[in-house]
Amino acid sequence: MDILKGRIVEIEKNVNKITYVTQQIKKNEQPKYDDRYPGGCGTYVTGSEYLGTTLEVKIFIYDLKRCIYFDIYEYVLLENKKCRISSKLLDHVVTSNVGKKVNVGIDDNNNYFDMSQLDVIPQ
């Protein structure tokens, strides 16, 4: 495994959802959709699912000249003993870590990142 140097260029929180859309409902069938689902003109939102939240760290690897992403959401929650990330905690994580130089392990098919290199606990 090679240890390469990189720099954190961005930290972004994403809420992942799927929305189900039904299209091309014929005019004679639209009234039964109008009462139950948002939409109109033959296109209706028939459901959605929450897939979780991610806190992605984007690290530029100098030797590879490309970026690698890691999800640190669970690590931040665990280290702070919290069940959700507040906007104040998110601001601390972003301002404390963007621009920081870190080491990343690169294997044939896997990338490894020691998250203890991050400052995620506010003082």
Protein backbone atom coordinates (compact mmCIF):
# COMPACT_ATOMS: atom_id res chain seq x y z
CA MET A 1 0.00 0.00 0.00
CA ASP A 2 1.30 3.44 -0.96
CA ILE A 3 0.82 6.44 1.33
CA LEU A 4 0.24 9.57 -0.75
CA LYS A 5 -0.11 13.20 0.28
CA GLY A 6 -3.23 15.18 -0.44
CA ARG A 7 -5.12 18.30 0.52
CA ILE A 8 -8.76 18.61 1.58
CA VAL A 9 -10.40 20.89 -0.97
CA GLU A 10 -14.07 20.59 0.01
CA ILE A 11 -16.42 19.15 2.65
CA GLU A 12 -20.06 18.88 1.65
CA LYS A 13 -23.19 17.56 3.40
CA ASN A 14 -25.66 15.74 1.15
CA VAL A 15 -29.13 14.43 1.94
CA ASN A 16 -29.87 11.54 -0.42
CA LYS A 17 -33.46 10.94 -1.56
CA ILE A 18 -35.19 9.13 -4.38
CA THR A 19 -38.41 10.53 -5.84
CA TYR A 20 -40.67 8.32 -7.92
CA VAL A 21 -42.32 10.06 -10.86
CA THR A 22 -45.07 8.55 -12.99
CA GLN A 23 -45.49 10.10 -16.44
CA GLN A 24 -47.76 9.86 -19.44
CA ILE A 25 -50.98 9.31 -17.50
CA LYS A 26 -53.82 9.43 -20.00
CA LYS A 27 -56.34 12.26 -19.67
CA ASN A 28 -59.19 9.95 -18.61
CA GLU A 29 -57.08 8.48 -15.74
CA GLN A 30 -55.73 11.82 -14.44
CA PRO A 31 -58.63 12.59 -12.05
CA LYS A 32 -57.77 9.61 -9.82
CA TYR A 33 -54.13 10.87 -9.61
CA ASP A 34 -55.16 14.54 -9.06
CA ASP A 35 -56.74 13.75 -5.69
CA ARG A 36 -53.91 11.58 -4.33
CA TYR A 37 -50.55 12.83 -5.70
CA PRO A 38 -48.84 16.17 -6.37
CA GLY A 39 -48.37 17.05 -10.02
CA GLY A 40 -50.56 17.44 -13.04
CA CYS A 41 -50.78 17.31 -16.85
CA GLY A 42 -50.02 13.57 -16.83
CA THR A 43 -46.93 13.70 -14.58
CA TYR A 44 -47.24 12.88 -10.85
CA VAL A 45 -44.93 12.30 -7.90
CA THR A 46 -46.04 8.90 -6.59
CA GLY A 47 -43.57 8.45 -3.73
CA SER A 48 -40.12 9.03 -2.33
CA GLU A 49 -37.51 7.38 -0.10
CA TYR A 50 -34.86 8.76 2.23
CA LEU A 51 -31.50 7.04 1.62
CA GLY A 52 -29.45 8.71 4.33
CA THR A 53 -27.09 11.62 4.77
CA THR A 54 -23.42 11.81 3.80
CA LEU A 55 -20.67 14.23 4.76
CA GLU A 56 -18.21 13.91 1.89
CA VAL A 57 -14.59 15.01 2.12
CA LYS A 58 -13.02 15.75 -1.26
CA ILE A 59 -9.23 15.21 -1.16
CA PHE A 60 -6.95 16.18 -4.05
CA ILE A 61 -4.09 13.65 -4.32
CA TYR A 62 -0.98 15.39 -5.67
CA ASP A 63 0.71 12.34 -7.25
CA LEU A 64 -2.47 11.13 -8.96
CA LYS A 65 -3.62 14.62 -9.99
CA ARG A 66 -7.22 13.72 -9.14
CA CYS A 67 -9.67 13.88 -6.27
CA ILE A 68 -10.91 11.08 -4.02
CA TYR A 69 -14.05 11.25 -1.86
CA PHE A 70 -14.63 9.79 1.61
CA ASP A 71 -17.79 9.82 3.74
CA ILE A 72 -17.06 11.03 7.30
CA TYR A 73 -20.66 11.43 8.53
CA GLU A 74 -20.65 8.47 10.95
CA TYR A 75 -17.17 9.38 12.22
CA VAL A 76 -18.24 12.94 13.10
CA LEU A 77 -21.34 11.65 14.91
CA LEU A 78 -19.33 9.06 16.85
CA GLU A 79 -16.57 11.44 17.90
CA ASN A 80 -19.05 14.09 19.09
CA LYS A 81 -21.48 11.58 20.66
CA LYS A 82 -24.37 13.12 18.71
CA CYS A 83 -27.27 11.74 16.71
CA ARG A 84 -27.26 14.53 14.09
CA ILE A 85 -24.87 17.17 12.77
CA SER A 86 -25.98 20.73 13.57
CA SER A 87 -25.12 23.66 11.34
CA LYS A 88 -22.67 24.92 13.99
CA LEU A 89 -20.85 21.56 14.08
CA LEU A 90 -20.84 21.40 10.27
CA ASP A 91 -19.33 24.90 10.09
CA HIS A 92 -16.60 23.85 12.56
CA VAL A 93 -15.74 20.70 10.58
CA VAL A 94 -15.55 22.65 7.31
CA THR A 95 -13.53 25.63 8.58
CA SER A 96 -11.13 23.46 10.59
CA ASN A 97 -10.30 21.00 7.84
CA VAL A 98 -10.57 22.57 4.38
CA GLY A 99 -7.04 23.27 3.16
CA LYS A 100 -5.46 20.76 5.57
CA LYS A 101 -2.80 18.38 4.24
CA VAL A 102 -3.56 14.69 4.89
CA ASN A 103 -2.16 11.24 4.08
CA VAL A 104 -4.21 8.75 2.05
CA GLY A 105 -3.43 5.07 1.58
CA ILE A 106 -3.84 3.81 -1.97
CA ASP A 107 -4.02 0.09 -2.74
CA ASP A 108 -4.79 -1.65 -6.05
CA ASN A 109 -8.57 -1.38 -5.69
CA ASN A 110 -9.07 0.50 -2.42
CA ASN A 111 -8.42 3.89 -0.86
CA TYR A 112 -7.85 4.31 2.88
CA PHE A 113 -8.14 7.47 4.92
CA ASP A 114 -7.28 7.74 8.63
CA MET A 115 -10.06 10.02 9.84
CA SER A 116 -8.20 10.82 13.05
CA GLN A 117 -6.28 13.36 10.93
CA LEU A 118 -9.42 15.52 10.99
CA ASP A 119 -10.40 18.10 13.60
CA VAL A 120 -14.08 17.30 14.19
CA ILE A 121 -14.57 18.14 17.89
CA PRO A 122 -15.25 21.81 18.64
CA GLN A 123 -13.38 23.34 21.59
